[in-house]
């Protein structure tokens, strides 16, 4: 079985819908912001980081899904919430 390359923040591992081995989803990340008013502290920004699938590659069977609609048609998740991620890192 081929090793999955981790190219940093723009990839996650996912199970290939064709062969069941691990593959790589290339995705973009974005933050969804919520405003929370806190007593005597004014407005504090908090947010949730979400990942959006753009491409899937399986290094075992060679499956390549090159656009988001192909990833969706294969039955794969398109969005993942990344718990504990710093939303300020993903702010445009």
PDB file of N, CA and C in Angstrom:
ATOM      1  N   UNK A   1       0.840  -1.175   0.000  1.00  0.00           N
ATOM      2  CA  UNK A   1       0.000   0.000   0.000  1.00  0.00           C
ATOM      3  C   UNK A   1       0.887   1.241   0.000  1.00  0.00           C
ATOM      4  N   UNK A   2       0.543   2.217  -0.806  1.00  0.00           N
ATOM      5  CA  UNK A   2       1.331   3.439  -0.924  1.00  0.00           C
ATOM      6  C   UNK A   2       1.126   4.324   0.296  1.00  0.00           C
ATOM      7  N   UNK A   3       2.173   5.023   0.670  1.00  0.00           N
ATOM      8  CA  UNK A   3       2.088   5.981   1.771  1.00  0.00           C
ATOM      9  C   UNK A   3       1.330   7.214   1.300  1.00  0.00           C
ATOM     10  N   UNK A   4       0.562   7.802   2.204  1.00  0.00           N
ATOM     11  CA  UNK A   4      -0.153   9.033   1.883  1.00  0.00           C
ATOM     12  C   UNK A   4       0.756  10.206   2.178  1.00  0.00           C
ATOM     13  N   UNK A   5       0.903  11.080   1.209  1.00  0.00           N
ATOM     14  CA  UNK A   5       1.705  12.282   1.411  1.00  0.00           C
ATOM     15  C   UNK A   5       0.878  13.315   2.153  1.00  0.00           C
ATOM     16  N   UNK A   6       1.497  13.956   3.106  1.00  0.00           N
ATOM     17  CA  UNK A   6       0.855  15.066   3.785  1.00  0.00           C
ATOM     18  C   UNK A   6       1.537  16.331   3.299  1.00  0.00           C
ATOM     19  N   UNK A   7       0.817  17.120   2.533  1.00  0.00           N
ATOM     20  CA  UNK A   7       1.395  18.339   1.984  1.00  0.00           C
ATOM     21  C   UNK A   7       0.984  19.563   2.787  1.00  0.00           C
ATOM     22  N   UNK A   8       0.728  19.387   4.042  1.00  0.00           N
ATOM     23  CA  UNK A   8       0.391  20.539   4.889  1.00  0.00           C
ATOM     24  C   UNK A   8      -1.094  20.682   5.100  1.00  0.00           C
ATOM     25  N   UNK A   9      -1.529  21.915   5.188  1.00  0.00           N
ATOM     26  CA  UNK A   9      -2.902  22.202   5.575  1.00  0.00           C
ATOM     27  C   UNK A   9      -3.936  21.969   4.486  1.00  0.00           C
ATOM     28  N   UNK A  10      -3.535  21.687   3.273  1.00  0.00           N
ATOM     29  CA  UNK A  10      -4.547  21.578   2.225  1.00  0.00           C
ATOM     30  C   UNK A  10      -4.912  20.147   1.843  1.00  0.00           C
ATOM     31  N   UNK A  11      -4.555  19.165   2.673  1.00  0.00           N
ATOM     32  CA  UNK A  11      -4.908  17.783   2.370  1.00  0.00           C
ATOM     33  C   UNK A  11      -5.294  17.019   3.621  1.00  0.00           C
ATOM     34  N   UNK A  12      -6.219  16.064   3.435  1.00  0.00           N
ATOM     35  CA  UNK A  12      -6.598  15.137   4.501  1.00  0.00           C
ATOM     36  C   UNK A  12      -6.729  13.741   3.894  1.00  0.00           C
ATOM     37  N   UNK A  13      -6.617  12.740   4.728  1.00  0.00           N
ATOM     38  CA  UNK A  13      -6.802  11.361   4.280  1.00  0.00           C
ATOM     39  C   UNK A  13      -8.281  11.006   4.279  1.00  0.00           C
ATOM     40  N   UNK A  14      -8.674  10.176   3.312  1.00  0.00           N
ATOM     41  CA  UNK A  14     -10.049   9.682   3.228  1.00  0.00           C
ATOM     42  C   UNK A  14     -10.023   8.308   2.566  1.00  0.00           C
ATOM     43  N   UNK A  15     -11.035   7.522   2.839  1.00  0.00           N
ATOM     44  CA  UNK A  15     -11.130   6.178   2.261  1.00  0.00           C
ATOM     45  C   UNK A  15     -11.593   6.286   0.812  1.00  0.00           C
ATOM     46  N   UNK A  16     -10.900   5.581  -0.062  1.00  0.00           N
ATOM     47  CA  UNK A  16     -11.253   5.573  -1.480  1.00  0.00           C
ATOM     48  C   UNK A  16     -12.593   4.861  -1.672  1.00  0.00           C
ATOM     49  N   UNK A  17     -13.546   5.483  -2.385  1.00  0.00           N
ATOM     50  CA  UNK A  17     -14.835   4.826  -2.609  1.00  0.00           C
ATOM     51  C   UNK A  17     -14.749   3.651  -3.580  1.00  0.00           C
ATOM     52  N   UNK A  18     -13.659   3.525  -4.330  1.00  0.00           N
ATOM     53  CA  UNK A  18     -13.515   2.432  -5.292  1.00  0.00           C
ATOM     54  C   UNK A  18     -12.841   1.205  -4.704  1.00  0.00           C
ATOM     55  N   UNK A  19     -11.738   1.399  -3.960  1.00  0.00           N
ATOM     56  CA  UNK A  19     -10.971   0.242  -3.491  1.00  0.00           C
ATOM     57  C   UNK A  19     -10.916   0.101  -1.966  1.00  0.00           C
ATOM     58  N   UNK A  20     -11.307   1.141  -1.231  1.00  0.00           N
ATOM     59  CA  UNK A  20     -11.322   1.062   0.234  1.00  0.00           C
ATOM     60  C   UNK A  20     -10.004   1.371   0.922  1.00  0.00           C
ATOM     61  N   UNK A  21      -8.966   1.655   0.147  1.00  0.00           N
ATOM     62  CA  UNK A  21      -7.686   2.041   0.735  1.00  0.00           C
ATOM     63  C   UNK A  21      -7.652   3.550   0.969  1.00  0.00           C
ATOM     64  N   UNK A  22      -6.704   4.027   1.771  1.00  0.00           N
ATOM     65  CA  UNK A  22      -6.618   5.462   2.008  1.00  0.00           C
ATOM     66  C   UNK A  22      -6.200   6.230   0.763  1.00  0.00           C
ATOM     67  N   UNK A  23      -6.843   7.368   0.575  1.00  0.00           N
ATOM     68  CA  UNK A  23      -6.481   8.280  -0.501  1.00  0.00           C
ATOM     69  C   UNK A  23      -6.335   9.675   0.085  1.00  0.00           C
ATOM     70  N   UNK A  24      -6.175  10.654  -0.777  1.00  0.00           N
ATOM     71  CA  UNK A  24      -5.946  12.019  -0.329  1.00  0.00           C
ATOM     72  C   UNK A  24      -6.987  12.955  -0.923  1.00  0.00           C
ATOM     73  N   UNK A  25      -7.627  13.713  -0.053  1.00  0.00           N
ATOM     74  CA  UNK A  25      -8.554  14.756  -0.472  1.00  0.00           C
ATOM     75  C   UNK A  25      -7.810  16.083  -0.396  1.00  0.00           C
ATOM     76  N   UNK A  26      -7.786  16.771  -1.513  1.00  0.00           N
ATOM     77  CA  UNK A  26      -7.246  18.125  -1.529  1.00  0.00           C
ATOM     78  C   UNK A  26      -8.438  19.043  -1.335  1.00  0.00           C
ATOM     79  N   UNK A  27      -8.265  20.002  -0.456  1.00  0.00           N
ATOM     80  CA  UNK A  27      -9.409  20.834  -0.109  1.00  0.00           C
ATOM     81  C   UNK A  27      -8.960  22.232   0.254  1.00  0.00           C
ATOM     82  N   UNK A  28      -9.955  23.112   0.370  1.00  0.00           N
ATOM     83  CA  UNK A  28      -9.690  24.454   0.857  1.00  0.00           C
ATOM     84  C   UNK A  28     -10.355  24.590   2.223  1.00  0.00           C
ATOM     85  N   UNK A  29      -9.804  25.455   3.037  1.00  0.00           N
ATOM     86  CA  UNK A  29     -10.341  25.667   4.378  1.00  0.00           C
ATOM     87  C   UNK A  29     -10.890  27.076   4.485  1.00  0.00           C
ATOM     88  N   UNK A  30     -11.931  27.216   5.279  1.00  0.00           N
ATOM     89  CA  UNK A  30     -12.510  28.531   5.502  1.00  0.00           C
ATOM     90  C   UNK A  30     -13.075  28.593   6.910  1.00  0.00           C
ATOM     91  N   UNK A  31     -13.197  29.793   7.424  1.00  0.00           N
ATOM     92  CA  UNK A  31     -13.724  29.994   8.773  1.00  0.00           C
ATOM     93  C   UNK A  31     -15.128  30.575   8.681  1.00  0.00           C
ATOM     94  N   UNK A  32     -16.004  30.091   9.541  1.00  0.00           N
ATOM     95  CA  UNK A  32     -17.343  30.657   9.709  1.00  0.00           C
ATOM     96  C   UNK A  32     -17.330  31.343  11.063  1.00  0.00           C
ATOM     97  N   UNK A  33     -17.624  32.631  11.071  1.00  0.00           N
ATOM     98  CA  UNK A  33     -17.481  33.438  12.283  1.00  0.00           C
ATOM     99  C   UNK A  33     -18.791  33.607  13.017  1.00  0.00           C
ATOM    100  N   UNK A  34     -18.720  33.546  14.334  1.00  0.00           N
ATOM    101  CA  UNK A  34     -19.839  33.847  15.215  1.00  0.00           C
ATOM    102  C   UNK A  34     -19.382  34.990  16.119  1.00  0.00           C
ATOM    103  N   UNK A  35     -20.269  35.941  16.370  1.00  0.00           N
ATOM    104  CA  UNK A  35     -19.932  37.024  17.293  1.00  0.00           C
ATOM    105  C   UNK A  35     -20.555  36.728  18.637  1.00  0.00           C
ATOM    106  N   UNK A  36     -19.776  36.903  19.664  1.00  0.00           N
ATOM    107  CA  UNK A  36     -20.262  36.683  21.025  1.00  0.00           C
ATOM    108  C   UNK A  36     -20.035  37.970  21.812  1.00  0.00           C
ATOM    109  N   UNK A  37     -21.112  38.493  22.408  1.00  0.00           N
ATOM    110  CA  UNK A  37     -20.945  39.658  23.263  1.00  0.00           C
ATOM    111  C   UNK A  37     -20.586  39.197  24.659  1.00  0.00           C
ATOM    112  N   UNK A  38     -19.548  39.761  25.179  1.00  0.00           N
ATOM    113  CA  UNK A  38     -19.123  39.402  26.528  1.00  0.00           C
ATOM    114  C   UNK A  38     -19.242  40.627  27.418  1.00  0.00           C
ATOM    115  N   UNK A  39     -19.635  40.389  28.651  1.00  0.00           N
ATOM    116  CA  UNK A  39     -19.811  41.488  29.595  1.00  0.00           C
ATOM    117  C   UNK A  39     -18.528  42.284  29.744  1.00  0.00           C
ATOM    118  N   UNK A  40     -18.640  43.593  29.587  1.00  0.00           N
ATOM    119  CA  UNK A  40     -17.560  44.563  29.803  1.00  0.00           C
ATOM    120  C   UNK A  40     -16.333  44.360  28.915  1.00  0.00           C
ATOM    121  N   UNK A  41     -16.391  43.432  27.981  1.00  0.00           N
ATOM    122  CA  UNK A  41     -15.231  43.195  27.125  1.00  0.00           C
ATOM    123  C   UNK A  41     -15.515  43.555  25.674  1.00  0.00           C
ATOM    124  N   UNK A  42     -16.705  44.021  25.388  1.00  0.00           N
ATOM    125  CA  UNK A  42     -17.050  44.349  24.006  1.00  0.00           C
ATOM    126  C   UNK A  42     -17.329  43.099  23.196  1.00  0.00           C
ATOM    127  N   UNK A  43     -16.989  43.159  21.930  1.00  0.00           N
ATOM    128  CA  UNK A  43     -17.283  42.036  21.035  1.00  0.00           C
ATOM    129  C   UNK A  43     -16.047  41.158  20.850  1.00  0.00           C
ATOM    130  N   UNK A  44     -16.224  39.867  20.975  1.00  0.00           N
ATOM    131  CA  UNK A  44     -15.144  38.897  20.804  1.00  0.00           C
ATOM    132  C   UNK A  44     -15.516  37.999  19.631  1.00  0.00           C
ATOM    133  N   UNK A  45     -14.581  37.781  18.711  1.00  0.00           N
ATOM    134  CA  UNK A  45     -14.876  36.942  17.550  1.00  0.00           C
ATOM    135  C   UNK A  45     -14.430  35.514  17.806  1.00  0.00           C
ATOM    136  N   UNK A  46     -15.304  34.584  17.499  1.00  0.00           N
ATOM    137  CA  UNK A  46     -14.943  33.176  17.541  1.00  0.00           C
ATOM    138  C   UNK A  46     -15.456  32.551  16.256  1.00  0.00           C
ATOM    139  N   UNK A  47     -14.908  31.432  15.903  1.00  0.00           N
ATOM    140  CA  UNK A  47     -15.328  30.825  14.654  1.00  0.00           C
ATOM    141  C   UNK A  47     -15.024  29.346  14.596  1.00  0.00           C
ATOM    142  N   UNK A  48     -15.542  28.726  13.561  1.00  0.00           N
ATOM    143  CA  UNK A  48     -15.360  27.310  13.298  1.00  0.00           C
ATOM    144  C   UNK A  48     -14.662  27.174  11.952  1.00  0.00           C
ATOM    145  N   UNK A  49     -13.687  26.290  11.879  1.00  0.00           N
ATOM    146  CA  UNK A  49     -12.982  26.062  10.620  1.00  0.00           C
ATOM    147  C   UNK A  49     -13.607  24.851   9.927  1.00  0.00           C
ATOM    148  N   UNK A  50     -13.931  25.038   8.660  1.00  0.00           N
ATOM    149  CA  UNK A  50     -14.499  23.988   7.824  1.00  0.00           C
ATOM    150  C   UNK A  50     -13.578  23.726   6.653  1.00  0.00           C
ATOM    151  N   UNK A  51     -13.563  22.490   6.192  1.00  0.00           N
ATOM    152  CA  UNK A  51     -12.788  22.099   5.019  1.00  0.00           C
ATOM    153  C   UNK A  51     -13.753  21.730   3.905  1.00  0.00           C
ATOM    154  N   UNK A  52     -13.439  22.122   2.677  1.00  0.00           N
ATOM    155  CA  UNK A  52     -14.280  21.856   1.516  1.00  0.00           C
ATOM    156  C   UNK A  52     -13.477  21.032   0.507  1.00  0.00           C
ATOM    157  N   UNK A  53     -13.979  19.846   0.158  1.00  0.00           N
ATOM    158  CA  UNK A  53     -13.271  18.943  -0.761  1.00  0.00           C
ATOM    159  C   UNK A  53     -13.278  19.484  -2.183  1.00  0.00           C
ATOM    160  N   UNK A  54     -12.115  19.467  -2.814  1.00  0.00           N
ATOM    161  CA  UNK A  54     -11.994  19.923  -4.195  1.00  0.00           C
ATOM    162  C   UNK A  54     -11.513  18.820  -5.143  1.00  0.00           C
ATOM    163  N   UNK A  55     -10.792  17.819  -4.602  1.00  0.00           N
ATOM    164  CA  UNK A  55     -10.230  16.760  -5.433  1.00  0.00           C
ATOM    165  C   UNK A  55      -9.920  15.551  -4.557  1.00  0.00           C
ATOM    166  N   UNK A  56      -9.983  14.351  -5.151  1.00  0.00           N
ATOM    167  CA  UNK A  56      -9.601  13.128  -4.439  1.00  0.00           C
ATOM    168  C   UNK A  56      -8.674  12.325  -5.336  1.00  0.00           C
ATOM    169  N   UNK A  57      -7.617  11.778  -4.735  1.00  0.00           N
ATOM    170  CA  UNK A  57      -6.670  10.934  -5.463  1.00  0.00           C
ATOM    171  C   UNK A  57      -6.389   9.682  -4.640  1.00  0.00           C
ATOM    172  N   UNK A  58      -6.482   8.513  -5.274  1.00  0.00           N
ATOM    173  CA  UNK A  58      -6.110   7.262  -4.630  1.00  0.00           C
ATOM    174  C   UNK A  58      -4.819   6.777  -5.263  1.00  0.00           C
ATOM    175  N   UNK A  59      -3.801   6.619  -4.437  1.00  0.00           N
ATOM    176  CA  UNK A  59      -2.502   6.173  -4.948  1.00  0.00           C
ATOM    177  C   UNK A  59      -2.444   4.660  -5.100  1.00  0.00           C
ATOM    178  N   UNK A  60      -3.475   3.947  -4.649  1.00  0.00           N
ATOM    179  CA  UNK A  60      -3.483   2.490  -4.781  1.00  0.00           C
ATOM    180  C   UNK A  60      -4.151   2.073  -6.091  1.00  0.00           C
ATOM    181  N   UNK A  61      -5.410   2.501  -6.306  1.00  0.00           N
ATOM    182  CA  UNK A  61      -6.124   2.087  -7.525  1.00  0.00           C
ATOM    183  C   UNK A  61      -6.077   3.131  -8.633  1.00  0.00           C
ATOM    184  N   UNK A  62      -5.609   4.340  -8.317  1.00  0.00           N
ATOM    185  CA  UNK A  62      -5.480   5.372  -9.340  1.00  0.00           C
ATOM    186  C   UNK A  62      -6.715   6.225  -9.561  1.00  0.00           C
ATOM    187  N   UNK A  63      -7.757   6.044  -8.750  1.00  0.00           N
ATOM    188  CA  UNK A  63      -8.960   6.853  -8.903  1.00  0.00           C
ATOM    189  C   UNK A  63      -8.610   8.326  -8.729  1.00  0.00           C
ATOM    190  N   UNK A  64      -9.085   9.155  -9.649  1.00  0.00           N
ATOM    191  CA  UNK A  64      -8.869  10.592  -9.576  1.00  0.00           C
ATOM    192  C   UNK A  64     -10.204  11.289  -9.787  1.00  0.00           C
ATOM    193  N   UNK A  65     -10.648  11.996  -8.777  1.00  0.00           N
ATOM    194  CA  UNK A  65     -11.852  12.817  -8.859  1.00  0.00           C
ATOM    195  C   UNK A  65     -11.357  14.253  -8.860  1.00  0.00           C
ATOM    196  N   UNK A  66     -11.503  14.935  -9.995  1.00  0.00           N
ATOM    197  CA  UNK A  66     -10.805  16.198 -10.191  1.00  0.00           C
ATOM    198  C   UNK A  66     -11.585  17.449  -9.792  1.00  0.00           C
ATOM    199  N   UNK A  67     -12.881  17.337  -9.581  1.00  0.00           N
ATOM    200  CA  UNK A  67     -13.675  18.502  -9.203  1.00  0.00           C
ATOM    201  C   UNK A  67     -14.672  18.112  -8.118  1.00  0.00           C
ATOM    202  N   UNK A  68     -15.138  19.091  -7.386  1.00  0.00           N
ATOM    203  CA  UNK A  68     -16.046  18.851  -6.264  1.00  0.00           C
ATOM    204  C   UNK A  68     -17.274  18.023  -6.656  1.00  0.00           C
ATOM    205  N   UNK A  69     -17.945  18.284  -7.791  1.00  0.00           N
ATOM    206  CA  UNK A  69     -19.103  17.443  -8.139  1.00  0.00           C
ATOM    207  C   UNK A  69     -18.763  15.967  -8.310  1.00  0.00           C
ATOM    208  N   UNK A  70     -17.560  15.650  -8.788  1.00  0.00           N
ATOM    209  CA  UNK A  70     -17.152  14.249  -8.902  1.00  0.00           C
ATOM    210  C   UNK A  70     -16.961  13.635  -7.519  1.00  0.00           C
ATOM    211  N   UNK A  71     -16.392  14.391  -6.592  1.00  0.00           N
ATOM    212  CA  UNK A  71     -16.227  13.910  -5.214  1.00  0.00           C
ATOM    213  C   UNK A  71     -17.596  13.628  -4.608  1.00  0.00           C
ATOM    214  N   UNK A  72     -18.547  14.528  -4.822  1.00  0.00           N
ATOM    215  CA  UNK A  72     -19.912  14.353  -4.305  1.00  0.00           C
ATOM    216  C   UNK A  72     -20.586  13.142  -4.948  1.00  0.00           C
ATOM    217  N   UNK A  73     -20.428  12.963  -6.253  1.00  0.00           N
ATOM    218  CA  UNK A  73     -21.051  11.840  -6.959  1.00  0.00           C
ATOM    219  C   UNK A  73     -20.517  10.493  -6.469  1.00  0.00           C
ATOM    220  N   UNK A  74     -19.284  10.480  -5.969  1.00  0.00           N
ATOM    221  CA  UNK A  74     -18.702   9.249  -5.434  1.00  0.00           C
ATOM    222  C   UNK A  74     -19.191   8.952  -4.021  1.00  0.00           C
ATOM    223  N   UNK A  75     -20.018   9.846  -3.467  1.00  0.00           N
ATOM    224  CA  UNK A  75     -20.586   9.620  -2.133  1.00  0.00           C
ATOM    225  C   UNK A  75     -19.668  10.031  -0.993  1.00  0.00           C
ATOM    226  N   UNK A  76     -18.643  10.803  -1.294  1.00  0.00           N
ATOM    227  CA  UNK A  76     -17.709  11.229  -0.250  1.00  0.00           C
ATOM    228  C   UNK A  76     -18.200  12.512   0.411  1.00  0.00           C
ATOM    229  N   UNK A  77     -17.799  12.702   1.662  1.00  0.00           N
ATOM    230  CA  UNK A  77     -18.128  13.941   2.365  1.00  0.00           C
ATOM    231  C   UNK A  77     -17.435  15.107   1.677  1.00  0.00           C
ATOM    232  N   UNK A  78     -18.136  16.226   1.592  1.00  0.00           N
ATOM    233  CA  UNK A  78     -17.557  17.423   1.000  1.00  0.00           C
ATOM    234  C   UNK A  78     -17.036  18.397   2.041  1.00  0.00           C
ATOM    235  N   UNK A  79     -17.609  18.364   3.234  1.00  0.00           N
ATOM    236  CA  UNK A  79     -17.195  19.293   4.277  1.00  0.00           C
ATOM    237  C   UNK A  79     -16.875  18.550   5.557  1.00  0.00           C
ATOM    238  N   UNK A  80     -15.854  19.043   6.254  1.00  0.00           N
ATOM    239  CA  UNK A  80     -15.480  18.520   7.558  1.00  0.00           C
ATOM    240  C   UNK A  80     -15.242  19.690   8.494  1.00  0.00           C
ATOM    241  N   UNK A  81     -15.756  19.596   9.702  1.00  0.00           N
ATOM    242  CA  UNK A  81     -15.452  20.590  10.727  1.00  0.00           C
ATOM    243  C   UNK A  81     -14.141  20.183  11.392  1.00  0.00           C
ATOM    244  N   UNK A  82     -13.231  21.130  11.521  1.00  0.00           N
ATOM    245  CA  UNK A  82     -11.958  20.861  12.169  1.00  0.00           C
ATOM    246  C   UNK A  82     -12.024  21.444  13.576  1.00  0.00           C
ATOM    247  N   UNK A  83     -12.303  20.584  14.525  1.00  0.00           N
ATOM    248  CA  UNK A  83     -12.435  21.016  15.923  1.00  0.00           C
ATOM    249  C   UNK A  83     -11.085  21.457  16.472  1.00  0.00           C
ATOM    250  N   UNK A  84     -11.098  22.575  17.158  1.00  0.00           N
ATOM    251  CA  UNK A  84      -9.883  23.075  17.798  1.00  0.00           C
ATOM    252  C   UNK A  84      -8.961  23.866  16.883  1.00  0.00           C
ATOM    253  N   UNK A  85      -9.302  23.997  15.599  1.00  0.00           N
ATOM    254  CA  UNK A  85      -8.444  24.770  14.687  1.00  0.00           C
ATOM    255  C   UNK A  85      -8.617  26.257  14.947  1.00  0.00           C
ATOM    256  N   UNK A  86      -7.555  27.009  14.758  1.00  0.00           N
ATOM    257  CA  UNK A  86      -7.587  28.454  14.967  1.00  0.00           C
ATOM    258  C   UNK A  86      -8.194  29.128  13.748  1.00  0.00           C
ATOM    259  N   UNK A  87      -9.409  29.710  13.880  1.00  0.00           N
ATOM    260  CA  UNK A  87     -10.057  30.317  12.704  1.00  0.00           C
ATOM    261  C   UNK A  87      -9.317  31.533  12.166  1.00  0.00           C
ATOM    262  N   UNK A  88      -8.508  32.195  12.996  1.00  0.00           N
ATOM    263  CA  UNK A  88      -7.767  33.364  12.519  1.00  0.00           C
ATOM    264  C   UNK A  88      -6.716  32.977  11.484  1.00  0.00           C
ATOM    265  N   UNK A  89      -6.286  31.722  11.505  1.00  0.00           N
ATOM    266  CA  UNK A  89      -5.322  31.238  10.508  1.00  0.00           C
ATOM    267  C   UNK A  89      -5.955  31.164   9.123  1.00  0.00           C
ATOM    268  N   UNK A  90      -7.278  31.023   9.059  1.00  0.00           N
ATOM    269  CA  UNK A  90      -7.981  30.845   7.798  1.00  0.00           C
ATOM    270  C   UNK A  90      -8.746  32.080   7.368  1.00  0.00           C
ATOM    271  N   UNK A  91      -8.542  33.175   8.061  1.00  0.00           N
ATOM    272  CA  UNK A  91      -9.230  34.411   7.717  1.00  0.00           C
ATOM    273  C   UNK A  91      -8.613  34.985   6.448  1.00  0.00           C
ATOM    274  N   UNK A  92      -9.465  35.417   5.491  1.00  0.00           N
ATOM    275  CA  UNK A  92      -8.916  35.983   4.245  1.00  0.00           C
ATOM    276  C   UNK A  92      -8.157  37.278   4.490  1.00  0.00           C
TER     277      UNK A  92
END
